[in-house]
PDB file of N, CA and C in Angstrom:
ATOM      1  N   MET A   1      13.095  12.121  16.923  1.00  0.00           N
ATOM      2  CA  MET A   1      11.893  12.984  16.730  1.00  0.00           C
ATOM      3  C   MET A   1      11.232  12.601  17.865  1.00  0.00           C
ATOM      4  N   GLN A   2      10.075  13.546  18.358  1.00  0.00           N
ATOM      5  CA  GLN A   2       9.201  13.261  19.599  1.00  0.00           C
ATOM      6  C   GLN A   2       7.908  13.272  18.841  1.00  0.00           C
ATOM      7  N   VAL A   3       7.400  11.866  19.110  1.00  0.00           N
ATOM      8  CA  VAL A   3       5.933  11.243  17.779  1.00  0.00           C
ATOM      9  C   VAL A   3       5.041  11.445  19.224  1.00  0.00           C
ATOM     10  N   HIS A   4       4.179  11.945  18.386  1.00  0.00           N
ATOM     11  CA  HIS A   4       2.624  11.719  19.450  1.00  0.00           C
ATOM     12  C   HIS A   4       1.804  10.546  18.976  1.00  0.00           C
ATOM     13  N   ILE A   5       1.177   9.591  19.554  1.00  0.00           N
ATOM     14  CA  ILE A   5       0.569   8.797  18.948  1.00  0.00           C
ATOM     15  C   ILE A   5      -0.718   8.796  19.301  1.00  0.00           C
ATOM     16  N   PHE A   6      -1.834   8.436  18.710  1.00  0.00           N
ATOM     17  CA  PHE A   6      -3.389   8.906  18.992  1.00  0.00           C
ATOM     18  C   PHE A   6      -3.752   7.371  18.551  1.00  0.00           C
ATOM     19  N   ARG A   7      -4.590   6.741  19.041  1.00  0.00           N
ATOM     20  CA  ARG A   7      -5.607   5.950  18.489  1.00  0.00           C
ATOM     21  C   ARG A   7      -6.824   6.163  17.774  1.00  0.00           C
ATOM     22  N   GLY A   8      -7.691   5.710  16.890  1.00  0.00           N
ATOM     23  CA  GLY A   8      -8.662   5.759  16.531  1.00  0.00           C
ATOM     24  C   GLY A   8      -9.554   4.965  16.491  1.00  0.00           C
ATOM     25  N   PRO A   9     -10.304   4.741  15.737  1.00  0.00           N
ATOM     26  CA  PRO A   9     -11.257   3.429  15.290  1.00  0.00           C
ATOM     27  C   PRO A   9     -10.592   1.856  15.325  1.00  0.00           C
ATOM     28  N   GLY A  10     -11.070   1.076  15.956  1.00  0.00           N
ATOM     29  CA  GLY A  10     -10.707  -0.418  15.849  1.00  0.00           C
ATOM     30  C   GLY A  10      -8.702  -0.681  15.894  1.00  0.00           C
ATOM     31  N   ARG A  11      -8.170  -0.529  14.950  1.00  0.00           N
ATOM     32  CA  ARG A  11      -6.297  -1.128  14.971  1.00  0.00           C
ATOM     33  C   ARG A  11      -6.009   0.127  14.609  1.00  0.00           C
ATOM     34  N   ILE A  12      -6.671   1.381  14.216  1.00  0.00           N
ATOM     35  CA  ILE A  12      -6.266   2.354  13.627  1.00  0.00           C
ATOM     36  C   ILE A  12      -5.499   3.337  15.002  1.00  0.00           C
ATOM     37  N   PHE A  13      -4.230   3.883  14.267  1.00  0.00           N
ATOM     38  CA  PHE A  13      -3.089   4.362  15.311  1.00  0.00           C
ATOM     39  C   PHE A  13      -2.734   5.794  13.998  1.00  0.00           C
ATOM     40  N   GLY A  14      -2.214   7.238  14.704  1.00  0.00           N
ATOM     41  CA  GLY A  14      -2.070   8.076  13.665  1.00  0.00           C
ATOM     42  C   GLY A  14      -0.823   9.057  14.684  1.00  0.00           C
ATOM     43  N   PHE A  15       0.409   8.845  14.228  1.00  0.00           N
ATOM     44  CA  PHE A  15       1.750   9.036  14.594  1.00  0.00           C
ATOM     45  C   PHE A  15       1.743  10.603  13.748  1.00  0.00           C
ATOM     46  N   THR A  16       2.338  11.448  14.696  1.00  0.00           N
ATOM     47  CA  THR A  16       2.137  13.153  14.383  1.00  0.00           C
ATOM     48  C   THR A  16       3.075  13.669  15.216  1.00  0.00           C
ATOM     49  N   ALA A  17       4.010  14.673  14.975  1.00  0.00           N
ATOM     50  CA  ALA A  17       5.075  15.923  15.403  1.00  0.00           C
ATOM     51  C   ALA A  17       3.933  16.773  16.407  1.00  0.00           C
ATOM     52  N   GLN A  18       2.912  17.014  16.154  1.00  0.00           N
ATOM     53  CA  GLN A  18       2.079  17.908  16.651  1.00  0.00           C
ATOM     54  C   GLN A  18       1.323  17.122  17.912  1.00  0.00           C
ATOM     55  N   ALA A  19       1.561  17.790  19.331  1.00  0.00           N
ATOM     56  CA  ALA A  19       1.070  17.021  20.555  1.00  0.00           C
ATOM     57  C   ALA A  19      -0.120  17.084  20.274  1.00  0.00           C
ATOM     58  N   SER A  20      -0.892  18.152  19.450  1.00  0.00           N
ATOM     59  CA  SER A  20      -2.436  17.770  19.766  1.00  0.00           C
ATOM     60  C   SER A  20      -3.174  16.831  19.264  1.00  0.00           C
ATOM     61  N   GLY A  21      -2.175  16.537  17.817  1.00  0.00           N
ATOM     62  CA  GLY A  21      -3.123  15.263  16.981  1.00  0.00           C
ATOM     63  C   GLY A  21      -3.782  16.223  16.550  1.00  0.00           C
ATOM     64  N   GLN A  22      -4.032  17.701  16.161  1.00  0.00           N
ATOM     65  CA  GLN A  22      -4.932  18.207  15.180  1.00  0.00           C
ATOM     66  C   GLN A  22      -5.055  18.173  13.468  1.00  0.00           C
ATOM     67  N   ASN A  23      -3.958  17.635  12.966  1.00  0.00           N
ATOM     68  CA  ASN A  23      -3.714  17.215  11.883  1.00  0.00           C
ATOM     69  C   ASN A  23      -3.943  15.884  11.442  1.00  0.00           C
ATOM     70  N   LEU A  24      -4.025  15.260  12.188  1.00  0.00           N
ATOM     71  CA  LEU A  24      -4.723  13.666  12.162  1.00  0.00           C
ATOM     72  C   LEU A  24      -5.699  13.503  10.978  1.00  0.00           C
ATOM     73  N   PRO A  25      -5.887  13.054  10.116  1.00  0.00           N
ATOM     74  CA  PRO A  25      -7.397  12.606   9.511  1.00  0.00           C
ATOM     75  C   PRO A  25      -8.555  12.680   9.822  1.00  0.00           C
ATOM     76  N   GLN A  26      -9.396  13.738   9.602  1.00  0.00           N
ATOM     77  CA  GLN A  26     -11.017  13.609  10.501  1.00  0.00           C
ATOM     78  C   GLN A  26     -11.731  12.300  10.107  1.00  0.00           C
ATOM     79  N   LYS A  27     -11.255  11.459   8.631  1.00  0.00           N
ATOM     80  CA  LYS A  27     -12.029  10.371   8.595  1.00  0.00           C
ATOM     81  C   LYS A  27     -11.671   8.883   9.593  1.00  0.00           C
ATOM     82  N   TYR A  28     -11.069   9.309  10.517  1.00  0.00           N
ATOM     83  CA  TYR A  28     -10.708   8.130  11.255  1.00  0.00           C
ATOM     84  C   TYR A  28     -10.689   8.889  12.587  1.00  0.00           C
ATOM     85  N   ALA A  29     -11.201   9.714  12.863  1.00  0.00           N
ATOM     86  CA  ALA A  29     -11.710  10.969  14.617  1.00  0.00           C
ATOM     87  C   ALA A  29     -12.789   9.675  14.749  1.00  0.00           C
ATOM     88  N   PRO A  30     -12.953   9.997  16.262  1.00  0.00           N
ATOM     89  CA  PRO A  30     -12.326  10.732  17.162  1.00  0.00           C
ATOM     90  C   PRO A  30     -10.729  10.062  17.376  1.00  0.00           C
ATOM     91  N   TRP A  31      -9.713  10.695  17.664  1.00  0.00           N
ATOM     92  CA  TRP A  31      -8.551  10.458  17.912  1.00  0.00           C
ATOM     93  C   TRP A  31      -8.449  10.739  19.964  1.00  0.00           C
ATOM     94  N   LEU A  32      -7.651   9.299  20.115  1.00  0.00           N
ATOM     95  CA  LEU A  32      -7.852   9.922  21.730  1.00  0.00           C
ATOM     96  C   LEU A  32      -6.198   9.575  21.698  1.00  0.00           C
ATOM     97  N   GLU A  33      -5.789  10.385  22.448  1.00  0.00           N
ATOM     98  CA  GLU A  33      -4.321  10.275  22.873  1.00  0.00           C
ATOM     99  C   GLU A  33      -3.939   8.847  23.211  1.00  0.00           C
ATOM    100  N   PHE A  34      -2.561   8.261  23.336  1.00  0.00           N
ATOM    101  CA  PHE A  34      -2.174   7.125  23.469  1.00  0.00           C
ATOM    102  C   PHE A  34      -1.221   7.044  24.147  1.00  0.00           C
ATOM    103  N   ARG A  35       0.123   7.867  23.520  1.00  0.00           N
ATOM    104  CA  ARG A  35       1.571   8.027  24.639  1.00  0.00           C
ATOM    105  C   ARG A  35       2.494   8.531  23.215  1.00  0.00           C
ATOM    106  N   SER A  36       3.089   9.321  23.821  1.00  0.00           N
ATOM    107  CA  SER A  36       4.661   9.770  22.927  1.00  0.00           C
ATOM    108  C   SER A  36       5.954   9.120  23.033  1.00  0.00           C
ATOM    109  N   ILE A  37       6.450   9.085  22.185  1.00  0.00           N
ATOM    110  CA  ILE A  37       7.363   8.619  22.418  1.00  0.00           C
ATOM    111  C   ILE A  37       8.926   8.868  21.092  1.00  0.00           C
ATOM    112  N   GLU A  38      10.117   8.917  21.667  1.00  0.00           N
ATOM    113  CA  GLU A  38      10.815   9.850  20.852  1.00  0.00           C
ATOM    114  C   GLU A  38      11.541   8.666  19.613  1.00  0.00           C
ATOM    115  N   LEU A  39      11.096   8.782  18.227  1.00  0.00           N
ATOM    116  CA  LEU A  39      11.372   7.913  16.869  1.00  0.00           C
ATOM    117  C   LEU A  39      12.975   8.432  16.815  1.00  0.00           C
ATOM    118  N   LEU A  40      13.427   7.676  16.350  1.00  0.00           N
ATOM    119  CA  LEU A  40      15.207   7.176  15.793  1.00  0.00           C
ATOM    120  C   LEU A  40      15.205   6.817  14.066  1.00  0.00           C
ATOM    121  N   ASN A  41      15.683   7.291  13.380  1.00  0.00           N
ATOM    122  CA  ASN A  41      15.745   6.111  11.811  1.00  0.00           C
ATOM    123  C   ASN A  41      16.604   5.417  12.578  1.00  0.00           C
ATOM    124  N   ASP A  42      16.429   4.064  11.833  1.00  0.00           N
ATOM    125  CA  ASP A  42      17.186   2.715  12.233  1.00  0.00           C
ATOM    126  C   ASP A  42      17.217   2.061  13.373  1.00  0.00           C
ATOM    127  N   GLN A  43      16.004   2.794  13.992  1.00  0.00           N
ATOM    128  CA  GLN A  43      15.937   2.380  15.492  1.00  0.00           C
ATOM    129  C   GLN A  43      14.650   1.379  15.851  1.00  0.00           C
ATOM    130  N   HIS A  44      15.030   0.304  16.247  1.00  0.00           N
ATOM    131  CA  HIS A  44      14.038  -0.853  16.034  1.00  0.00           C
ATOM    132  C   HIS A  44      13.262  -0.349  17.437  1.00  0.00           C
ATOM    133  N   THR A  45      11.566  -0.171  16.782  1.00  0.00           N
ATOM    134  CA  THR A  45      10.879   0.265  17.720  1.00  0.00           C
ATOM    135  C   THR A  45       9.532  -0.385  17.822  1.00  0.00           C
ATOM    136  N   PRO A  46       9.260  -1.317  18.582  1.00  0.00           N
ATOM    137  CA  PRO A  46       8.045  -2.137  18.442  1.00  0.00           C
ATOM    138  C   PRO A  46       6.708  -1.431  18.528  1.00  0.00           C
ATOM    139  N   GLY A  47       6.149  -1.982  17.478  1.00  0.00           N
ATOM    140  CA  GLY A  47       4.527  -1.862  16.624  1.00  0.00           C
ATOM    141  C   GLY A  47       4.628  -0.504  15.885  1.00  0.00           C
ATOM    142  N   VAL A  48       5.569  -0.405  14.978  1.00  0.00           N
ATOM    143  CA  VAL A  48       6.045   0.887  14.055  1.00  0.00           C
ATOM    144  C   VAL A  48       7.562   0.787  13.752  1.00  0.00           C
ATOM    145  N   ASP A  49       7.715   1.194  12.063  1.00  0.00           N
ATOM    146  CA  ASP A  49       8.866   1.054  11.526  1.00  0.00           C
ATOM    147  C   ASP A  49       8.932   2.249  11.154  1.00  0.00           C
ATOM    148  N   ALA A  50       9.941   2.572  12.098  1.00  0.00           N
ATOM    149  CA  ALA A  50      10.389   4.181  12.553  1.00  0.00           C
ATOM    150  C   ALA A  50      10.826   4.612  11.663  1.00  0.00           C
ATOM    151  N   ASN A  51      11.506   4.274  10.204  1.00  0.00           N
ATOM    152  CA  ASN A  51      11.970   5.278   9.125  1.00  0.00           C
ATOM    153  C   ASN A  51      10.752   5.373   8.124  1.00  0.00           C
ATOM    154  N   GLU A  52       9.555   4.154   8.189  1.00  0.00           N
ATOM    155  CA  GLU A  52       8.602   4.611   7.030  1.00  0.00           C
ATOM    156  C   GLU A  52       7.876   6.153   8.184  1.00  0.00           C
ATOM    157  N   CYS A  53       7.662   5.329   9.268  1.00  0.00           N
ATOM    158  CA  CYS A  53       6.888   6.382  10.115  1.00  0.00           C
ATOM    159  C   CYS A  53       7.575   8.098  10.164  1.00  0.00           C
ATOM    160  N   LEU A  54       8.401   8.247  10.272  1.00  0.00           N
ATOM    161  CA  LEU A  54       9.256   9.429  10.464  1.00  0.00           C
ATOM    162  C   LEU A  54       9.650  10.147   8.548  1.00  0.00           C
ATOM    163  N   CYS A  55       9.540   9.098   7.536  1.00  0.00           N
ATOM    164  CA  CYS A  55       9.143   9.673   6.168  1.00  0.00           C
ATOM    165  C   CYS A  55       8.092   9.935   6.318  1.00  0.00           C
ATOM    166  N   ASP A  56       6.941   9.236   6.645  1.00  0.00           N
ATOM    167  CA  ASP A  56       5.763  10.007   6.234  1.00  0.00           C
ATOM    168  C   ASP A  56       5.096  11.125   6.953  1.00  0.00           C
ATOM    169  N   ILE A  57       5.792  11.227   8.133  1.00  0.00           N
ATOM    170  CA  ILE A  57       5.565  12.379   8.733  1.00  0.00           C
ATOM    171  C   ILE A  57       6.108  14.020   8.174  1.00  0.00           C
ATOM    172  N   GLU A  58       7.316  13.697   7.408  1.00  0.00           N
ATOM    173  CA  GLU A  58       8.262  14.407   6.902  1.00  0.00           C
ATOM    174  C   GLU A  58       7.525  14.965   5.802  1.00  0.00           C
ATOM    175  N   THR A  59       7.061  14.367   5.157  1.00  0.00           N
ATOM    176  CA  THR A  59       6.145  14.217   4.076  1.00  0.00           C
ATOM    177  C   THR A  59       5.025  15.122   3.960  1.00  0.00           C
ATOM    178  N   TYR A  60       4.061  14.224   4.921  1.00  0.00           N
ATOM    179  CA  TYR A  60       2.828  14.614   4.778  1.00  0.00           C
ATOM    180  C   TYR A  60       1.858  15.222   6.413  1.00  0.00           C
ATOM    181  N   GLY A  61       2.995  15.075   6.901  1.00  0.00           N
ATOM    182  CA  GLY A  61       2.886  15.426   8.332  1.00  0.00           C
ATOM    183  C   GLY A  61       2.066  14.701   9.494  1.00  0.00           C
ATOM    184  N   VAL A  62       1.825  13.478   9.240  1.00  0.00           N
ATOM    185  CA  VAL A  62       1.455  12.077   9.658  1.00  0.00           C
ATOM    186  C   VAL A  62       1.775  10.752   8.918  1.00  0.00           C
ATOM    187  N   HIS A  63       1.729   9.963  10.260  1.00  0.00           N
ATOM    188  CA  HIS A  63       1.882   8.466   9.366  1.00  0.00           C
ATOM    189  C   HIS A  63       0.368   7.865  10.154  1.00  0.00           C
ATOM    190  N   VAL A  64      -0.129   7.193   9.721  1.00  0.00           N
ATOM    191  CA  VAL A  64      -1.164   6.413   9.761  1.00  0.00           C
ATOM    192  C   VAL A  64      -1.065   4.898   9.479  1.00  0.00           C
ATOM    193  N   THR A  65      -1.587   3.993  10.272  1.00  0.00           N
ATOM    194  CA  THR A  65      -1.691   2.355  10.274  1.00  0.00           C
ATOM    195  C   THR A  65      -3.192   1.574  10.737  1.00  0.00           C
ATOM    196  N   ASP A  66      -3.283   0.902  10.350  1.00  0.00           N
ATOM    197  CA  ASP A  66      -4.115  -0.094  10.489  1.00  0.00           C
ATOM    198  C   ASP A  66      -3.787  -1.598  10.738  1.00  0.00           C
ATOM    199  N   ALA A  67      -3.267  -1.886  11.918  1.00  0.00           N
ATOM    200  CA  ALA A  67      -2.914  -3.741  12.219  1.00  0.00           C
ATOM    201  C   ALA A  67      -1.561  -3.479  11.944  1.00  0.00           C
ATOM    202  N   HIS A  68      -0.995  -2.500  12.372  1.00  0.00           N
ATOM    203  CA  HIS A  68       0.316  -2.372  12.096  1.00  0.00           C
ATOM    204  C   HIS A  68       0.674  -2.084  10.937  1.00  0.00           C
ATOM    205  N   ILE A  69      -0.379  -1.803   9.655  1.00  0.00           N
ATOM    206  CA  ILE A  69      -0.132  -2.088   7.911  1.00  0.00           C
ATOM    207  C   ILE A  69      -0.132  -0.378   8.163  1.00  0.00           C
ATOM    208  N   ARG A  70       0.837   0.351   7.456  1.00  0.00           N
ATOM    209  CA  ARG A  70       0.555   1.732   6.364  1.00  0.00           C
ATOM    210  C   ARG A  70      -0.427   1.745   5.691  1.00  0.00           C
ATOM    211  N   ILE A  71      -1.289   3.185   6.028  1.00  0.00           N
ATOM    212  CA  ILE A  71      -2.583   3.516   5.357  1.00  0.00           C
ATOM    213  C   ILE A  71      -2.233   5.070   5.300  1.00  0.00           C
ATOM    214  N   THR A  72      -1.079   5.236   5.564  1.00  0.00           N
ATOM    215  CA  THR A  72      -0.881   6.991   5.129  1.00  0.00           C
ATOM    216  C   THR A  72      -1.652   7.620   4.495  1.00  0.00           C
ATOM    217  N   GLU A  73      -1.337   7.061   2.972  1.00  0.00           N
ATOM    218  CA  GLU A  73      -1.740   7.956   1.325  1.00  0.00           C
ATOM    219  C   GLU A  73      -3.398   7.710   1.502  1.00  0.00           C
ATOM    220  N   GLU A  74      -3.733   7.035   1.675  1.00  0.00           N
ATOM    221  CA  GLU A  74      -5.016   6.153   1.656  1.00  0.00           C
ATOM    222  C   GLU A  74      -6.195   7.111   2.823  1.00  0.00           C
ATOM    223  N   ALA A  75      -5.352   7.299   3.998  1.00  0.00           N
ATOM    224  CA  ALA A  75      -6.090   7.720   5.029  1.00  0.00           C
ATOM    225  C   ALA A  75      -5.824   9.435   5.054  1.00  0.00           C
ATOM    226  N   ILE A  76      -5.095  10.408   4.108  1.00  0.00           N
ATOM    227  CA  ILE A  76      -5.327  11.431   3.892  1.00  0.00           C
ATOM    228  C   ILE A  76      -5.861  11.995   2.513  1.00  0.00           C
ATOM    229  N   ARG A  77      -6.277  11.472   1.775  1.00  0.00           N
ATOM    230  CA  ARG A  77      -7.241  10.999   0.452  1.00  0.00           C
ATOM    231  C   ARG A  77      -8.632  12.151   1.066  1.00  0.00           C
TER     232      ARG A  77
END
């Protein structure tokens, strides 16, 4: 899956399938485009757990991390 990565404040990163990043949580805005990558389940990807990221995107539409620690559920509340 093509995943677009955006940087928020500090060490917050948002991952989404939407190139615009419009669905990322506003509480961590502004989001700045960082890069896009191809993520596959069970494939090592530096800086992100691909399985966790793809699962969150399927479930919530986004995956959010703080210093590489998953905070998706907290971020979307």
